[in-house]
PDB file of N, CA and C in Angstrom:
ATOM      1  N   MET A   1       6.922 -18.710   9.952  1.00  0.00           N
ATOM      2  CA  MET A   1       7.419 -18.454  11.289  1.00  0.00           C
ATOM      3  C   MET A   1       8.536 -17.416  11.270  1.00  0.00           C
ATOM      4  N   LYS A   2       9.359 -17.456  10.211  1.00  0.00           N
ATOM      5  CA  LYS A   2      10.457 -16.500  10.123  1.00  0.00           C
ATOM      6  C   LYS A   2       9.937 -15.076   9.959  1.00  0.00           C
ATOM      7  N   LYS A   3       8.805 -14.928   9.263  1.00  0.00           N
ATOM      8  CA  LYS A   3       8.220 -13.592   9.100  1.00  0.00           C
ATOM      9  C   LYS A   3       7.772 -13.031  10.443  1.00  0.00           C
ATOM     10  N   ILE A   4       7.209 -13.883  11.266  1.00  0.00           N
ATOM     11  CA  ILE A   4       6.708 -13.431  12.565  1.00  0.00           C
ATOM     12  C   ILE A   4       7.863 -13.001  13.467  1.00  0.00           C
ATOM     13  N   ILE A   5       8.953 -13.758  13.460  1.00  0.00           N
ATOM     14  CA  ILE A   5      10.118 -13.397  14.281  1.00  0.00           C
ATOM     15  C   ILE A   5      10.754 -12.108  13.772  1.00  0.00           C
ATOM     16  N   PHE A   6      10.915 -11.994  12.452  1.00  0.00           N
ATOM     17  CA  PHE A   6      11.497 -10.779  11.875  1.00  0.00           C
ATOM     18  C   PHE A   6      10.618  -9.565  12.150  1.00  0.00           C
ATOM     19  N   SER A   7       9.302  -9.749  12.042  1.00  0.00           N
ATOM     20  CA  SER A   7       8.411  -8.616  12.303  1.00  0.00           C
ATOM     21  C   SER A   7       8.453  -8.213  13.774  1.00  0.00           C
ATOM     22  N   GLY A   8       8.669  -9.184  14.657  1.00  0.00           N
ATOM     23  CA  GLY A   8       8.821  -8.850  16.078  1.00  0.00           C
ATOM     24  C   GLY A   8      10.043  -7.992  16.324  1.00  0.00           C
ATOM     25  N   PHE A   9      11.164  -8.330  15.656  1.00  0.00           N
ATOM     26  CA  PHE A   9      12.364  -7.502  15.778  1.00  0.00           C
ATOM     27  C   PHE A   9      12.134  -6.103  15.208  1.00  0.00           C
ATOM     28  N   CYS A  10      11.416  -6.015  14.078  1.00  0.00           N
ATOM     29  CA  CYS A  10      11.119  -4.707  13.486  1.00  0.00           C
ATOM     30  C   CYS A  10      10.289  -3.850  14.437  1.00  0.00           C
ATOM     31  N   MET A  11       9.257  -4.448  15.000  1.00  0.00           N
ATOM     32  CA  MET A  11       8.386  -3.689  15.891  1.00  0.00           C
ATOM     33  C   MET A  11       9.091  -3.319  17.196  1.00  0.00           C
ATOM     34  N   ALA A  12       9.936  -4.205  17.708  1.00  0.00           N
ATOM     35  CA  ALA A  12      10.666  -3.889  18.940  1.00  0.00           C
ATOM     36  C   ALA A  12      11.671  -2.762  18.703  1.00  0.00           C
ATOM     37  N   THR A  13      12.375  -2.810  17.575  1.00  0.00           N
ATOM     38  CA  THR A  13      13.320  -1.741  17.241  1.00  0.00           C
ATOM     39  C   THR A  13      12.594  -0.414  17.080  1.00  0.00           C
ATOM     40  N   SER A  14      11.452  -0.450  16.421  1.00  0.00           N
ATOM     41  CA  SER A  14      10.655   0.758  16.239  1.00  0.00           C
ATOM     42  C   SER A  14      10.197   1.323  17.583  1.00  0.00           C
ATOM     43  N   ALA A  15       9.726   0.464  18.460  1.00  0.00           N
ATOM     44  CA  ALA A  15       9.242   0.920  19.768  1.00  0.00           C
ATOM     45  C   ALA A  15      10.375   1.524  20.591  1.00  0.00           C
ATOM     46  N   ILE A  16      11.538   0.891  20.576  1.00  0.00           N
ATOM     47  CA  ILE A  16      12.680   1.417  21.333  1.00  0.00           C
ATOM     48  C   ILE A  16      13.091   2.787  20.795  1.00  0.00           C
ATOM     49  N   GLY A  17      13.147   2.931  19.482  1.00  0.00           N
ATOM     50  CA  GLY A  17      13.526   4.214  18.880  1.00  0.00           C
ATOM     51  C   GLY A  17      12.532   5.314  19.178  1.00  0.00           C
ATOM     52  N   ILE A  18      11.252   5.015  19.054  1.00  0.00           N
ATOM     53  CA  ILE A  18      10.222   6.027  19.298  1.00  0.00           C
ATOM     54  C   ILE A  18      10.190   6.426  20.773  1.00  0.00           C
ATOM     55  N   ILE A  19      10.312   5.463  21.668  1.00  0.00           N
ATOM     56  CA  ILE A  19      10.296   5.777  23.102  1.00  0.00           C
ATOM     57  C   ILE A  19      11.509   6.615  23.490  1.00  0.00           C
ATOM     58  N   SER A  20      12.675   6.307  22.920  1.00  0.00           N
ATOM     59  CA  SER A  20      13.854   7.111  23.256  1.00  0.00           C
ATOM     60  C   SER A  20      13.715   8.541  22.728  1.00  0.00           C
ATOM     61  N   MET A  21      13.085   8.714  21.575  1.00  0.00           N
ATOM     62  CA  MET A  21      12.851  10.071  21.067  1.00  0.00           C
ATOM     63  C   MET A  21      11.827  10.805  21.916  1.00  0.00           C
ATOM     64  N   LEU A  22      10.850  10.096  22.434  1.00  0.00           N
ATOM     65  CA  LEU A  22       9.890  10.728  23.345  1.00  0.00           C
ATOM     66  C   LEU A  22      10.566  11.213  24.617  1.00  0.00           C
ATOM     67  N   PHE A  23      11.465  10.396  25.170  1.00  0.00           N
ATOM     68  CA  PHE A  23      12.200  10.827  26.361  1.00  0.00           C
ATOM     69  C   PHE A  23      13.088  12.034  26.069  1.00  0.00           C
ATOM     70  N   ALA A  24      13.697  12.071  24.881  1.00  0.00           N
ATOM     71  CA  ALA A  24      14.508  13.232  24.507  1.00  0.00           C
ATOM     72  C   ALA A  24      13.639  14.484  24.395  1.00  0.00           C
ATOM     73  N   ALA A  25      12.455  14.334  23.831  1.00  0.00           N
ATOM     74  CA  ALA A  25      11.547  15.483  23.710  1.00  0.00           C
ATOM     75  C   ALA A  25      11.074  15.955  25.075  1.00  0.00           C
ATOM     76  N   ILE A  26      10.838  15.031  25.985  1.00  0.00           N
ATOM     77  CA  ILE A  26      10.421  15.417  27.338  1.00  0.00           C
ATOM     78  C   ILE A  26      11.536  16.188  28.033  1.00  0.00           C
ATOM     79  N   GLN A  27      12.772  15.746  27.871  1.00  0.00           N
ATOM     80  CA  GLN A  27      13.898  16.460  28.482  1.00  0.00           C
ATOM     81  C   GLN A  27      14.068  17.854  27.879  1.00  0.00           C
ATOM     82  N   LEU A  28      13.887  17.971  26.556  1.00  0.00           N
ATOM     83  CA  LEU A  28      13.982  19.296  25.937  1.00  0.00           C
ATOM     84  C   LEU A  28      12.847  20.199  26.394  1.00  0.00           C
ATOM     85  N   GLU A  29      11.673  19.623  26.602  1.00  0.00           N
ATOM     86  CA  GLU A  29      10.550  20.431  27.071  1.00  0.00           C
ATOM     87  C   GLU A  29      10.826  20.964  28.466  1.00  0.00           C
ATOM     88  N   LYS A  30      11.474  20.150  29.287  1.00  0.00           N
ATOM     89  CA  LYS A  30      11.844  20.615  30.627  1.00  0.00           C
ATOM     90  C   LYS A  30      12.894  21.718  30.561  1.00  0.00           C
ATOM     91  N   GLN A  31      13.797  21.602  29.587  1.00  0.00           N
ATOM     92  CA  GLN A  31      14.880  22.567  29.484  1.00  0.00           C
ATOM     93  C   GLN A  31      14.434  23.874  28.824  1.00  0.00           C
ATOM     94  N   TYR A  32      13.715  23.781  27.707  1.00  0.00           N
ATOM     95  CA  TYR A  32      13.369  24.970  26.936  1.00  0.00           C
ATOM     96  C   TYR A  32      11.959  25.487  27.188  1.00  0.00           C
ATOM     97  N   GLY A  33      11.066  24.663  27.670  1.00  0.00           N
ATOM     98  CA  GLY A  33       9.669  25.076  27.786  1.00  0.00           C
ATOM     99  C   GLY A  33       9.037  25.050  26.414  1.00  0.00           C
ATOM    100  N   SER A  34       8.250  26.046  26.111  1.00  0.00           N
ATOM    101  CA  SER A  34       7.636  26.083  24.778  1.00  0.00           C
ATOM    102  C   SER A  34       8.524  26.871  23.828  1.00  0.00           C
ATOM    103  N   ILE A  35       8.539  26.443  22.579  1.00  0.00           N
ATOM    104  CA  ILE A  35       9.322  27.112  21.543  1.00  0.00           C
ATOM    105  C   ILE A  35       8.345  27.816  20.615  1.00  0.00           C
ATOM    106  N   ASN A  36       8.402  29.137  20.575  1.00  0.00           N
ATOM    107  CA  ASN A  36       7.475  29.962  19.798  1.00  0.00           C
ATOM    108  C   ASN A  36       6.020  29.658  20.142  1.00  0.00           C
ATOM    109  N   GLY A  37       5.744  29.417  21.397  1.00  0.00           N
ATOM    110  CA  GLY A  37       4.384  29.159  21.852  1.00  0.00           C
ATOM    111  C   GLY A  37       3.888  27.761  21.550  1.00  0.00           C
ATOM    112  N   ASP A  38       4.745  26.882  21.052  1.00  0.00           N
ATOM    113  CA  ASP A  38       4.343  25.522  20.703  1.00  0.00           C
ATOM    114  C   ASP A  38       5.231  24.542  21.451  1.00  0.00           C
ATOM    115  N   SER A  39       4.634  23.511  21.988  1.00  0.00           N
ATOM    116  CA  SER A  39       5.427  22.522  22.717  1.00  0.00           C
ATOM    117  C   SER A  39       5.047  21.104  22.277  1.00  0.00           C
ATOM    118  N   SER A  40       4.967  20.886  20.955  1.00  0.00           N
ATOM    119  CA  SER A  40       4.614  19.564  20.457  1.00  0.00           C
ATOM    120  C   SER A  40       5.869  18.726  20.219  1.00  0.00           C
ATOM    121  N   LEU A  41       5.662  17.454  20.039  1.00  0.00           N
ATOM    122  CA  LEU A  41       6.768  16.525  19.815  1.00  0.00           C
ATOM    123  C   LEU A  41       7.544  16.889  18.556  1.00  0.00           C
ATOM    124  N   MET A  42       6.860  17.236  17.497  1.00  0.00           N
ATOM    125  CA  MET A  42       7.531  17.523  16.225  1.00  0.00           C
ATOM    126  C   MET A  42       8.413  18.769  16.305  1.00  0.00           C
ATOM    127  N   VAL A  43       8.054  19.725  17.134  1.00  0.00           N
ATOM    128  CA  VAL A  43       8.889  20.922  17.296  1.00  0.00           C
ATOM    129  C   VAL A  43      10.235  20.536  17.893  1.00  0.00           C
ATOM    130  N   TYR A  44      10.216  19.704  18.913  1.00  0.00           N
ATOM    131  CA  TYR A  44      11.467  19.294  19.552  1.00  0.00           C
ATOM    132  C   TYR A  44      12.277  18.360  18.663  1.00  0.00           C
ATOM    133  N   LEU A  45      11.601  17.496  17.894  1.00  0.00           N
ATOM    134  CA  LEU A  45      12.330  16.639  16.960  1.00  0.00           C
ATOM    135  C   LEU A  45      12.947  17.452  15.832  1.00  0.00           C
ATOM    136  N   ASN A  46      12.268  18.507  15.387  1.00  0.00           N
ATOM    137  CA  ASN A  46      12.853  19.399  14.377  1.00  0.00           C
ATOM    138  C   ASN A  46      14.056  20.144  14.939  1.00  0.00           C
ATOM    139  N   LEU A  47      14.000  20.486  16.204  1.00  0.00           N
ATOM    140  CA  LEU A  47      15.119  21.178  16.841  1.00  0.00           C
ATOM    141  C   LEU A  47      16.369  20.300  16.847  1.00  0.00           C
ATOM    142  N   LEU A  48      16.185  19.001  17.041  1.00  0.00           N
ATOM    143  CA  LEU A  48      17.301  18.059  17.051  1.00  0.00           C
ATOM    144  C   LEU A  48      17.581  17.429  15.683  1.00  0.00           C
ATOM    145  N   ASN A  49      16.825  17.807  14.669  1.00  0.00           N
ATOM    146  CA  ASN A  49      16.925  17.241  13.317  1.00  0.00           C
ATOM    147  C   ASN A  49      16.702  15.731  13.318  1.00  0.00           C
ATOM    148  N   LEU A  50      15.730  15.264  14.073  1.00  0.00           N
ATOM    149  CA  LEU A  50      15.425  13.844  14.175  1.00  0.00           C
ATOM    150  C   LEU A  50      14.126  13.456  13.472  1.00  0.00           C
ATOM    151  N   THR A  51      13.502  14.359  12.760  1.00  0.00           N
ATOM    152  CA  THR A  51      12.228  14.059  12.115  1.00  0.00           C
ATOM    153  C   THR A  51      12.342  12.938  11.087  1.00  0.00           C
ATOM    154  N   PRO A  52      13.363  12.896  10.204  1.00  0.00           N
ATOM    155  CA  PRO A  52      13.443  11.773   9.249  1.00  0.00           C
ATOM    156  C   PRO A  52      13.662  10.424   9.933  1.00  0.00           C
ATOM    157  N   ILE A  53      14.413  10.413  11.005  1.00  0.00           N
ATOM    158  CA  ILE A  53      14.656   9.160  11.730  1.00  0.00           C
ATOM    159  C   ILE A  53      13.371   8.706  12.422  1.00  0.00           C
ATOM    160  N   PHE A  54      12.627   9.649  12.984  1.00  0.00           N
ATOM    161  CA  PHE A  54      11.350   9.334  13.611  1.00  0.00           C
ATOM    162  C   PHE A  54      10.388   8.744  12.586  1.00  0.00           C
ATOM    163  N   THR A  55      10.342   9.335  11.394  1.00  0.00           N
ATOM    164  CA  THR A  55       9.496   8.821  10.321  1.00  0.00           C
ATOM    165  C   THR A  55       9.938   7.418   9.918  1.00  0.00           C
ATOM    166  N   GLY A  56      11.229   7.175   9.874  1.00  0.00           N
ATOM    167  CA  GLY A  56      11.739   5.844   9.551  1.00  0.00           C
ATOM    168  C   GLY A  56      11.321   4.806  10.583  1.00  0.00           C
ATOM    169  N   PHE A  57      11.365   5.167  11.868  1.00  0.00           N
ATOM    170  CA  PHE A  57      10.929   4.241  12.909  1.00  0.00           C
ATOM    171  C   PHE A  57       9.428   3.963  12.806  1.00  0.00           C
ATOM    172  N   ILE A  58       8.645   4.972  12.453  1.00  0.00           N
ATOM    173  CA  ILE A  58       7.205   4.772  12.266  1.00  0.00           C
ATOM    174  C   ILE A  58       6.956   3.798  11.117  1.00  0.00           C
ATOM    175  N   ILE A  59       7.652   4.000   9.999  1.00  0.00           N
ATOM    176  CA  ILE A  59       7.490   3.117   8.835  1.00  0.00           C
ATOM    177  C   ILE A  59       7.955   1.705   9.174  1.00  0.00           C
ATOM    178  N   LEU A  60       9.044   1.574   9.922  1.00  0.00           N
ATOM    179  CA  LEU A  60       9.537   0.257  10.327  1.00  0.00           C
ATOM    180  C   LEU A  60       8.515  -0.465  11.202  1.00  0.00           C
ATOM    181  N   GLY A  61       7.885   0.244  12.104  1.00  0.00           N
ATOM    182  CA  GLY A  61       6.864  -0.361  12.961  1.00  0.00           C
ATOM    183  C   GLY A  61       5.642  -0.807  12.185  1.00  0.00           C
ATOM    184  N   ILE A  62       5.201   0.018  11.239  1.00  0.00           N
ATOM    185  CA  ILE A  62       4.043  -0.349  10.424  1.00  0.00           C
ATOM    186  C   ILE A  62       4.372  -1.547   9.542  1.00  0.00           C
ATOM    187  N   THR A  63       5.580  -1.559   8.980  1.00  0.00           N
ATOM    188  CA  THR A  63       6.007  -2.694   8.161  1.00  0.00           C
ATOM    189  C   THR A  63       6.067  -3.973   8.984  1.00  0.00           C
ATOM    190  N   GLY A  64       6.599  -3.891  10.186  1.00  0.00           N
ATOM    191  CA  GLY A  64       6.642  -5.051  11.063  1.00  0.00           C
ATOM    192  C   GLY A  64       5.259  -5.559  11.414  1.00  0.00           C
ATOM    193  N   PHE A  65       4.336  -4.639  11.646  1.00  0.00           N
ATOM    194  CA  PHE A  65       2.961  -5.033  11.956  1.00  0.00           C
ATOM    195  C   PHE A  65       2.314  -5.747  10.774  1.00  0.00           C
ATOM    196  N   LEU A  66       2.498  -5.210   9.572  1.00  0.00           N
ATOM    197  CA  LEU A  66       1.913  -5.831   8.387  1.00  0.00           C
ATOM    198  C   LEU A  66       2.547  -7.187   8.094  1.00  0.00           C
ATOM    199  N   LEU A  67       3.868  -7.309   8.294  1.00  0.00           N
ATOM    200  CA  LEU A  67       4.522  -8.603   8.116  1.00  0.00           C
ATOM    201  C   LEU A  67       3.998  -9.630   9.117  1.00  0.00           C
ATOM    202  N   ARG A  68       3.759  -9.192  10.324  1.00  0.00           N
ATOM    203  CA  ARG A  68       3.233 -10.111  11.331  1.00  0.00           C
ATOM    204  C   ARG A  68       1.841 -10.591  10.948  1.00  0.00           C
ATOM    205  N   LEU A  69       0.992  -9.688  10.463  1.00  0.00           N
ATOM    206  CA  LEU A  69      -0.335 -10.105  10.019  1.00  0.00           C
ATOM    207  C   LEU A  69      -0.237 -11.083   8.857  1.00  0.00           C
ATOM    208  N   TRP A  70       0.663 -10.810   7.922  1.00  0.00           N
ATOM    209  CA  TRP A  70       0.854 -11.691   6.779  1.00  0.00           C
ATOM    210  C   TRP A  70       1.350 -13.059   7.238  1.00  0.00           C
ATOM    211  N   GLY A  71       2.271 -13.093   8.182  1.00  0.00           N
ATOM    212  CA  GLY A  71       2.790 -14.354   8.686  1.00  0.00           C
ATOM    213  C   GLY A  71       1.762 -15.153   9.465  1.00  0.00           C
ATOM    214  N   ILE A  72       0.884 -14.479  10.163  1.00  0.00           N
ATOM    215  CA  ILE A  72      -0.142 -15.179  10.957  1.00  0.00           C
ATOM    216  C   ILE A  72      -1.222 -15.781  10.055  1.00  0.00           C
ATOM    217  N   PHE A  73      -1.660 -15.015   9.064  1.00  0.00           N
ATOM    218  CA  PHE A  73      -2.790 -15.460   8.236  1.00  0.00           C
ATOM    219  C   PHE A  73      -2.351 -16.179   6.958  1.00  0.00           C
ATOM    220  N   GLU A  74      -1.084 -16.483   6.833  1.00  0.00           N
ATOM    221  CA  GLU A  74      -0.616 -17.202   5.645  1.00  0.00           C
ATOM    222  C   GLU A  74      -1.069 -18.673   5.733  1.00  0.00           C
ATOM    223  N   LYS A  75      -1.622 -19.189   4.645  1.00  0.00           N
ATOM    224  CA  LYS A  75      -2.180 -20.543   4.645  1.00  0.00           C
ATOM    225  C   LYS A  75      -1.105 -21.613   4.488  1.00  0.00           C
ATOM    226  N   ASP A  76      -0.089 -21.393   3.666  1.00  0.00           N
ATOM    227  CA  ASP A  76       0.894 -22.424   3.348  1.00  0.00           C
ATOM    228  C   ASP A  76       2.159 -22.306   4.185  1.00  0.00           C
ATOM    229  N   SER A  77       2.032 -22.001   5.449  1.00  0.00           N
ATOM    230  CA  SER A  77       3.220 -21.868   6.282  1.00  0.00           C
ATOM    231  C   SER A  77       3.712 -23.234   6.709  1.00  0.00           C
ATOM    232  N   LYS A  78       5.048 -23.401   6.672  1.00  0.00           N
ATOM    233  CA  LYS A  78       5.671 -24.651   7.093  1.00  0.00           C
ATOM    234  C   LYS A  78       6.299 -24.445   8.460  1.00  0.00           C
ATOM    235  N   SER A  79       6.053 -25.330   9.368  1.00  0.00           N
ATOM    236  CA  SER A  79       6.563 -25.178  10.739  1.00  0.00           C
ATOM    237  C   SER A  79       7.988 -25.628  10.846  1.00  0.00           C
TER     238      SER A  79
END
């Protein structure tokens, strides 16, 4: 049960971080338009030097998802 709760916190933190970076990228797109003819998320994250943090949030979300699967399908769980 503790794995499931911890994985929920991991996934929620990851979702909050990724969504806030998406909103920042949308605001930069409104301000700058396209940068060198490209207007992808990674271009704006590179502009703000947030790419390593974005990657960390992605890894945290995947880890939380895998922990949740492990916690759900574990046979010897004690309630």
